[in-house]
């Protein structure tokens, strides 16, 4: 019998996965996001606000400025909204959802194979997979 290295074979499949149009497109969109200076400035601003919020939040009662926390929170919501409205961020989220669905299908196929099911017919149940087979009756694994 020939020595079969499943990990090696899986690595070869993973290399092919990197060539999938969804993965390639996601990488392209990430580059667009990285090059969008306005978006990067908003992300930095948001991260700084998160830091300021945490610094204020850990202060003891009486020292903590609740009005400041409320204002930072409002500002963070506004900046987050601006980030999510960015054309490249919207494109990224759409691409990311497609890649997440692909990943979920691949995980379902692997789980089916490990549990003795037929990997050729394994499908992600309607509504997605919670990851807990005990609460599911959908994929037939």
N, C-alpha and C. Protein backbone atom coordinates (compact mmCIF):
# COMPACT_ATOMS: atom_id res chain seq x y z
N UNK A 1 0.85 -1.19 0.00
CA UNK A 1 0.00 0.00 0.00
C UNK A 1 0.89 1.25 0.00
N UNK A 2 0.50 2.21 -0.82
CA UNK A 2 1.25 3.45 -0.94
C UNK A 2 1.07 4.32 0.30
N UNK A 3 2.16 4.95 0.72
CA UNK A 3 2.11 5.85 1.88
C UNK A 3 1.34 7.11 1.49
N UNK A 4 0.22 7.36 2.15
CA UNK A 4 -0.66 8.48 1.83
C UNK A 4 -0.58 9.49 2.97
N UNK A 5 -0.20 10.71 2.64
CA UNK A 5 -0.09 11.78 3.65
C UNK A 5 -1.26 12.74 3.47
N UNK A 6 -2.30 12.55 4.28
CA UNK A 6 -3.52 13.34 4.17
C UNK A 6 -3.25 14.83 4.40
N UNK A 7 -2.34 15.15 5.29
CA UNK A 7 -2.03 16.56 5.57
C UNK A 7 -1.40 17.20 4.34
N UNK A 8 -0.49 16.50 3.71
CA UNK A 8 0.14 17.02 2.49
C UNK A 8 -0.92 17.24 1.40
N UNK A 9 -1.78 16.26 1.21
CA UNK A 9 -2.83 16.37 0.20
C UNK A 9 -3.76 17.53 0.51
N UNK A 10 -4.06 17.72 1.78
CA UNK A 10 -4.93 18.83 2.17
C UNK A 10 -4.24 20.17 1.90
N UNK A 11 -2.94 20.22 2.14
CA UNK A 11 -2.18 21.44 1.85
C UNK A 11 -2.24 21.77 0.35
N UNK A 12 -2.18 20.75 -0.48
CA UNK A 12 -2.29 20.96 -1.92
C UNK A 12 -3.67 21.52 -2.28
N UNK A 13 -4.70 20.98 -1.65
CA UNK A 13 -6.05 21.50 -1.88
C UNK A 13 -6.18 22.94 -1.38
N UNK A 14 -5.53 23.23 -0.27
CA UNK A 14 -5.57 24.60 0.28
C UNK A 14 -4.91 25.58 -0.68
N UNK A 15 -3.85 25.15 -1.36
CA UNK A 15 -3.21 26.00 -2.38
C UNK A 15 -4.19 26.28 -3.51
N UNK A 16 -4.96 25.26 -3.90
CA UNK A 16 -5.97 25.46 -4.93
C UNK A 16 -7.08 26.39 -4.44
N UNK A 17 -7.41 26.28 -3.18
CA UNK A 17 -8.43 27.14 -2.58
C UNK A 17 -8.03 28.61 -2.71
N UNK A 18 -6.75 28.89 -2.56
CA UNK A 18 -6.26 30.27 -2.68
C UNK A 18 -6.49 30.85 -4.07
N UNK A 19 -6.72 29.99 -5.04
CA UNK A 19 -6.96 30.43 -6.41
C UNK A 19 -8.45 30.62 -6.71
N UNK A 20 -9.31 30.27 -5.77
CA UNK A 20 -10.75 30.44 -5.95
C UNK A 20 -11.06 31.92 -6.17
N UNK A 21 -11.96 32.20 -7.10
CA UNK A 21 -12.30 33.59 -7.43
C UNK A 21 -12.71 34.40 -6.21
N UNK A 22 -13.44 33.78 -5.30
CA UNK A 22 -13.89 34.49 -4.10
C UNK A 22 -12.73 34.92 -3.22
N UNK A 23 -11.74 34.04 -3.10
CA UNK A 23 -10.56 34.34 -2.28
C UNK A 23 -9.71 35.42 -2.96
N UNK A 24 -9.51 35.27 -4.25
CA UNK A 24 -8.72 36.25 -5.02
C UNK A 24 -9.38 37.63 -4.94
N UNK A 25 -10.68 37.67 -5.11
CA UNK A 25 -11.41 38.94 -5.06
C UNK A 25 -11.32 39.57 -3.67
N UNK A 26 -11.42 38.76 -2.63
CA UNK A 26 -11.32 39.28 -1.27
C UNK A 26 -9.95 39.94 -1.05
N UNK A 27 -8.91 39.32 -1.53
CA UNK A 27 -7.57 39.89 -1.39
C UNK A 27 -7.45 41.21 -2.15
N UNK A 28 -8.08 41.29 -3.31
CA UNK A 28 -8.06 42.53 -4.09
C UNK A 28 -8.77 43.66 -3.33
N UNK A 29 -9.90 43.32 -2.73
CA UNK A 29 -10.67 44.32 -1.99
C UNK A 29 -9.89 44.77 -0.75
N UNK A 30 -9.21 43.85 -0.08
CA UNK A 30 -8.37 44.23 1.07
C UNK A 30 -7.32 45.25 0.66
N UNK A 31 -6.72 45.05 -0.51
CA UNK A 31 -5.71 45.99 -1.00
C UNK A 31 -6.33 47.36 -1.27
N UNK A 32 -7.54 47.37 -1.84
CA UNK A 32 -8.23 48.64 -2.07
C UNK A 32 -8.48 49.36 -0.75
N UNK A 33 -8.89 48.59 0.26
CA UNK A 33 -9.15 49.18 1.58
C UNK A 33 -7.86 49.77 2.18
N UNK A 34 -6.79 49.03 2.03
CA UNK A 34 -5.50 49.49 2.56
C UNK A 34 -5.04 50.78 1.89
N UNK A 35 -5.39 50.95 0.62
CA UNK A 35 -4.96 52.12 -0.13
C UNK A 35 -5.90 53.32 0.03
N UNK A 36 -7.06 53.10 0.61
CA UNK A 36 -8.03 54.18 0.81
C UNK A 36 -7.65 54.96 2.07
N UNK A 37 -7.00 56.08 1.89
CA UNK A 37 -6.48 56.85 3.03
C UNK A 37 -7.60 57.34 3.94
N UNK A 38 -8.72 57.73 3.37
CA UNK A 38 -9.85 58.20 4.18
C UNK A 38 -10.36 57.08 5.09
N UNK A 39 -10.49 55.90 4.53
CA UNK A 39 -10.94 54.76 5.33
C UNK A 39 -9.93 54.43 6.42
N UNK A 40 -8.65 54.42 6.07
CA UNK A 40 -7.62 54.12 7.07
C UNK A 40 -7.62 55.16 8.19
N UNK A 41 -7.85 56.43 7.85
CA UNK A 41 -7.93 57.48 8.87
C UNK A 41 -9.12 57.26 9.79
N UNK A 42 -10.25 56.87 9.22
CA UNK A 42 -11.44 56.58 10.04
C UNK A 42 -11.18 55.40 10.97
N UNK A 43 -10.53 54.37 10.48
CA UNK A 43 -10.24 53.20 11.31
C UNK A 43 -9.30 53.57 12.45
N UNK A 44 -8.28 54.36 12.14
CA UNK A 44 -7.37 54.82 13.21
C UNK A 44 -8.11 55.65 14.24
N UNK A 45 -8.98 56.53 13.76
CA UNK A 45 -9.78 57.39 14.66
C UNK A 45 -10.66 56.52 15.55
N UNK A 46 -11.30 55.53 14.96
CA UNK A 46 -12.16 54.64 15.73
C UNK A 46 -11.36 53.88 16.79
N UNK A 47 -10.19 53.36 16.40
CA UNK A 47 -9.35 52.63 17.34
C UNK A 47 -8.89 53.51 18.50
N UNK A 48 -8.56 54.76 18.20
CA UNK A 48 -8.17 55.70 19.24
C UNK A 48 -9.34 55.97 20.19
N UNK A 49 -10.52 56.11 19.64
CA UNK A 49 -11.71 56.32 20.48
C UNK A 49 -11.96 55.12 21.38
N UNK A 50 -11.79 53.93 20.84
CA UNK A 50 -11.95 52.72 21.66
C UNK A 50 -10.97 52.73 22.83
N UNK A 51 -9.74 53.11 22.54
CA UNK A 51 -8.71 53.18 23.58
C UNK A 51 -9.11 54.21 24.64
N UNK A 52 -9.53 55.40 24.21
CA UNK A 52 -9.94 56.44 25.14
C UNK A 52 -11.12 55.96 26.00
N UNK A 53 -12.04 55.25 25.37
CA UNK A 53 -13.20 54.73 26.09
C UNK A 53 -12.77 53.75 27.17
N UNK A 54 -11.87 52.83 26.81
CA UNK A 54 -11.39 51.84 27.78
C UNK A 54 -10.65 52.50 28.93
N UNK A 55 -9.83 53.51 28.62
CA UNK A 55 -9.07 54.22 29.66
C UNK A 55 -10.03 54.87 30.64
N UNK A 56 -11.06 55.50 30.12
CA UNK A 56 -12.04 56.17 30.99
C UNK A 56 -12.86 55.14 31.76
N UNK A 57 -13.18 54.04 31.11
CA UNK A 57 -14.05 53.01 31.71
C UNK A 57 -13.40 52.35 32.93
N UNK A 58 -12.09 52.17 32.92
CA UNK A 58 -11.44 51.47 34.03
C UNK A 58 -11.19 52.37 35.24
N UNK A 59 -11.49 53.64 35.09
CA UNK A 59 -11.33 54.55 36.24
C UNK A 59 -12.36 54.20 37.30
N UNK A 60 -12.00 54.47 38.54
CA UNK A 60 -12.88 54.15 39.66
C UNK A 60 -14.13 55.04 39.64
N UNK A 61 -15.17 54.51 40.26
CA UNK A 61 -16.42 55.25 40.43
C UNK A 61 -16.11 56.59 41.10
N UNK A 62 -16.69 57.64 40.60
CA UNK A 62 -16.43 58.97 41.14
C UNK A 62 -15.33 59.70 40.40
N UNK A 63 -14.39 58.97 39.84
CA UNK A 63 -13.32 59.56 39.03
C UNK A 63 -13.70 59.47 37.55
N UNK A 64 -14.41 58.40 37.22
CA UNK A 64 -14.83 58.17 35.84
C UNK A 64 -15.82 59.26 35.43
N UNK A 65 -15.66 59.77 34.24
CA UNK A 65 -16.53 60.81 33.70
C UNK A 65 -17.56 60.17 32.77
N UNK A 66 -18.76 59.93 33.31
CA UNK A 66 -19.79 59.25 32.54
C UNK A 66 -20.25 60.06 31.33
N UNK A 67 -20.24 61.38 31.44
CA UNK A 67 -20.61 62.22 30.31
C UNK A 67 -19.58 62.06 29.18
N UNK A 68 -18.31 61.98 29.56
CA UNK A 68 -17.25 61.77 28.57
C UNK A 68 -17.41 60.42 27.89
N UNK A 69 -17.73 59.39 28.69
CA UNK A 69 -17.97 58.06 28.13
C UNK A 69 -19.12 58.08 27.14
N UNK A 70 -20.17 58.75 27.49
CA UNK A 70 -21.34 58.83 26.62
C UNK A 70 -20.99 59.55 25.31
N UNK A 71 -20.22 60.62 25.41
CA UNK A 71 -19.82 61.36 24.21
C UNK A 71 -18.89 60.53 23.32
N UNK A 72 -17.94 59.85 23.94
CA UNK A 72 -17.03 58.99 23.16
C UNK A 72 -17.83 57.90 22.46
N UNK A 73 -18.79 57.32 23.17
CA UNK A 73 -19.62 56.27 22.59
C UNK A 73 -20.40 56.81 21.39
N UNK A 74 -21.00 57.99 21.52
CA UNK A 74 -21.73 58.59 20.40
C UNK A 74 -20.80 58.84 19.21
N UNK A 75 -19.62 59.35 19.51
CA UNK A 75 -18.63 59.62 18.45
C UNK A 75 -18.20 58.32 17.78
N UNK A 76 -18.00 57.26 18.57
CA UNK A 76 -17.60 55.97 18.00
C UNK A 76 -18.69 55.43 17.08
N UNK A 77 -19.93 55.57 17.48
CA UNK A 77 -21.04 55.10 16.65
C UNK A 77 -21.05 55.84 15.31
N UNK A 78 -20.82 57.15 15.35
CA UNK A 78 -20.80 57.95 14.12
C UNK A 78 -19.64 57.54 13.21
N UNK A 79 -18.47 57.37 13.80
CA UNK A 79 -17.30 56.99 12.99
C UNK A 79 -17.48 55.58 12.44
N UNK A 80 -18.00 54.67 13.27
CA UNK A 80 -18.24 53.30 12.80
C UNK A 80 -19.22 53.31 11.63
N UNK A 81 -20.22 54.14 11.71
CA UNK A 81 -21.20 54.26 10.62
C UNK A 81 -20.51 54.74 9.34
N UNK A 82 -19.61 55.71 9.49
CA UNK A 82 -18.85 56.20 8.33
C UNK A 82 -17.96 55.10 7.74
N UNK A 83 -17.34 54.32 8.62
CA UNK A 83 -16.49 53.21 8.15
C UNK A 83 -17.33 52.21 7.35
N UNK A 84 -18.47 51.84 7.91
CA UNK A 84 -19.30 50.82 7.27
C UNK A 84 -19.95 51.33 5.98
N UNK A 85 -20.06 52.66 5.82
CA UNK A 85 -20.64 53.24 4.62
C UNK A 85 -19.61 53.39 3.50
N UNK A 86 -18.35 53.17 3.80
CA UNK A 86 -17.29 53.29 2.81
C UNK A 86 -17.49 52.22 1.73
N UNK A 87 -17.35 52.61 0.47
CA UNK A 87 -17.62 51.69 -0.64
C UNK A 87 -16.75 50.43 -0.58
N UNK A 88 -15.48 50.59 -0.18
CA UNK A 88 -14.61 49.42 -0.13
C UNK A 88 -14.94 48.53 1.07
N UNK A 89 -15.36 49.13 2.16
CA UNK A 89 -15.77 48.34 3.33
C UNK A 89 -17.03 47.54 3.01
N UNK A 90 -17.96 48.16 2.30
CA UNK A 90 -19.17 47.44 1.91
C UNK A 90 -18.83 46.29 0.96
N UNK A 91 -17.93 46.56 0.03
CA UNK A 91 -17.50 45.53 -0.90
C UNK A 91 -16.79 44.40 -0.15
N UNK A 92 -15.94 44.78 0.81
CA UNK A 92 -15.23 43.79 1.62
C UNK A 92 -16.22 42.90 2.38
N UNK A 93 -17.21 43.51 3.01
CA UNK A 93 -18.18 42.73 3.80
C UNK A 93 -18.94 41.75 2.92
N UNK A 94 -19.28 42.17 1.72
CA UNK A 94 -19.97 41.27 0.80
C UNK A 94 -19.06 40.10 0.40
N UNK A 95 -17.81 40.43 0.06
CA UNK A 95 -16.84 39.38 -0.29
C UNK A 95 -16.59 38.45 0.89
N UNK A 96 -16.45 39.03 2.06
CA UNK A 96 -16.18 38.25 3.27
C UNK A 96 -17.32 37.28 3.54
N UNK A 97 -18.56 37.71 3.32
CA UNK A 97 -19.70 36.81 3.50
C UNK A 97 -19.62 35.62 2.54
N UNK A 98 -19.24 35.89 1.29
CA UNK A 98 -19.09 34.80 0.32
C UNK A 98 -18.01 33.81 0.74
N UNK A 99 -16.88 34.33 1.22
CA UNK A 99 -15.78 33.48 1.67
C UNK A 99 -16.19 32.72 2.93
N UNK A 100 -16.92 33.37 3.83
CA UNK A 100 -17.38 32.68 5.04
C UNK A 100 -18.32 31.53 4.69
N UNK A 101 -19.19 31.73 3.70
CA UNK A 101 -20.08 30.65 3.26
C UNK A 101 -19.29 29.49 2.67
N UNK A 102 -18.28 29.82 1.89
CA UNK A 102 -17.41 28.78 1.33
C UNK A 102 -16.70 28.01 2.45
N UNK A 103 -16.16 28.74 3.41
CA UNK A 103 -15.48 28.12 4.55
C UNK A 103 -16.42 27.21 5.33
N UNK A 104 -17.64 27.69 5.53
CA UNK A 104 -18.63 26.89 6.26
C UNK A 104 -18.97 25.61 5.50
N UNK A 105 -19.08 25.69 4.18
CA UNK A 105 -19.35 24.50 3.39
C UNK A 105 -18.19 23.52 3.48
N UNK A 106 -16.98 24.02 3.37
CA UNK A 106 -15.80 23.15 3.47
C UNK A 106 -15.75 22.48 4.84
N UNK A 107 -16.03 23.22 5.89
CA UNK A 107 -16.04 22.64 7.24
C UNK A 107 -17.13 21.57 7.36
N UNK A 108 -18.27 21.81 6.76
CA UNK A 108 -19.37 20.83 6.79
C UNK A 108 -18.96 19.55 6.06
N UNK A 109 -18.29 19.71 4.93
CA UNK A 109 -17.83 18.54 4.16
C UNK A 109 -16.80 17.75 4.98
N UNK A 110 -15.85 18.44 5.61
CA UNK A 110 -14.84 17.76 6.43
C UNK A 110 -15.50 17.02 7.59
N UNK A 111 -16.44 17.69 8.25
CA UNK A 111 -17.14 17.07 9.38
C UNK A 111 -17.92 15.85 8.93
N UNK A 112 -18.58 15.95 7.78
CA UNK A 112 -19.32 14.80 7.25
C UNK A 112 -18.38 13.62 7.02
N UNK A 113 -17.23 13.89 6.42
CA UNK A 113 -16.28 12.81 6.14
C UNK A 113 -15.76 12.18 7.43
N UNK A 114 -15.45 12.99 8.40
CA UNK A 114 -14.92 12.48 9.67
C UNK A 114 -15.97 11.63 10.40
N UNK A 115 -17.24 12.02 10.27
CA UNK A 115 -18.30 11.31 10.98
C UNK A 115 -18.92 10.18 10.16
N UNK A 116 -18.28 9.83 9.03
CA UNK A 116 -18.75 8.70 8.23
C UNK A 116 -19.84 9.04 7.24
N UNK A 117 -20.16 10.31 7.10
CA UNK A 117 -21.17 10.72 6.13
C UNK A 117 -20.58 10.80 4.73
N UNK A 118 -21.42 11.12 3.80
CA UNK A 118 -20.99 11.23 2.41
C UNK A 118 -20.57 12.67 2.13
N UNK A 119 -19.27 12.93 2.00
CA UNK A 119 -18.81 14.30 1.77
C UNK A 119 -19.29 14.88 0.44
N UNK A 120 -19.68 14.01 -0.49
CA UNK A 120 -20.13 14.48 -1.80
C UNK A 120 -21.52 15.11 -1.75
N UNK A 121 -22.29 14.83 -0.71
CA UNK A 121 -23.63 15.40 -0.63
C UNK A 121 -23.82 16.33 0.57
N UNK A 122 -22.80 16.46 1.39
CA UNK A 122 -22.91 17.31 2.58
C UNK A 122 -23.17 18.75 2.18
N UNK A 123 -24.13 19.37 2.82
CA UNK A 123 -24.50 20.76 2.55
C UNK A 123 -24.70 21.49 3.88
N UNK A 124 -24.43 22.78 3.86
CA UNK A 124 -24.71 23.61 5.03
C UNK A 124 -26.22 23.75 5.12
N UNK A 125 -26.80 23.49 6.31
CA UNK A 125 -28.26 23.60 6.45
C UNK A 125 -28.74 25.03 6.21
N UNK A 126 -30.00 25.15 5.80
CA UNK A 126 -30.62 26.47 5.65
C UNK A 126 -30.45 27.24 6.94
N UNK A 127 -30.13 28.49 6.83
CA UNK A 127 -29.94 29.32 8.02
C UNK A 127 -28.54 29.24 8.57
N UNK A 128 -27.69 28.42 7.96
CA UNK A 128 -26.30 28.33 8.41
C UNK A 128 -26.09 27.28 9.45
N UNK A 129 -24.88 27.18 9.89
CA UNK A 129 -24.48 26.16 10.86
C UNK A 129 -23.97 26.84 12.10
N UNK A 130 -24.50 26.42 13.25
CA UNK A 130 -24.06 27.01 14.51
C UNK A 130 -22.76 26.38 15.00
N UNK A 131 -22.40 25.25 14.39
CA UNK A 131 -21.20 24.54 14.83
C UNK A 131 -21.50 23.46 15.85
N UNK A 132 -22.71 23.47 16.39
CA UNK A 132 -23.10 22.47 17.38
C UNK A 132 -24.04 21.46 16.73
N UNK A 133 -23.54 20.27 16.49
CA UNK A 133 -24.35 19.24 15.84
C UNK A 133 -25.52 18.80 16.72
N UNK A 134 -25.40 18.99 18.03
CA UNK A 134 -26.46 18.54 18.92
C UNK A 134 -27.73 19.34 18.74
N UNK A 135 -27.62 20.57 18.23
CA UNK A 135 -28.81 21.40 18.07
C UNK A 135 -29.27 21.45 16.62
N UNK A 136 -28.76 20.53 15.80
CA UNK A 136 -29.00 20.63 14.36
C UNK A 136 -29.57 19.32 13.82
N UNK A 137 -30.39 19.46 12.80
CA UNK A 137 -30.88 18.28 12.10
C UNK A 137 -30.74 18.45 10.60
N UNK A 138 -29.86 19.36 10.19
CA UNK A 138 -29.84 19.76 8.79
C UNK A 138 -28.88 19.07 7.86
N UNK A 139 -27.65 18.86 8.20
CA UNK A 139 -26.67 18.44 7.19
C UNK A 139 -26.58 16.92 7.05
N UNK A 140 -27.17 16.19 7.93
CA UNK A 140 -27.18 14.74 7.81
C UNK A 140 -25.89 14.04 8.12
N UNK A 141 -25.04 14.68 8.89
CA UNK A 141 -23.76 14.04 9.21
C UNK A 141 -23.96 13.07 10.35
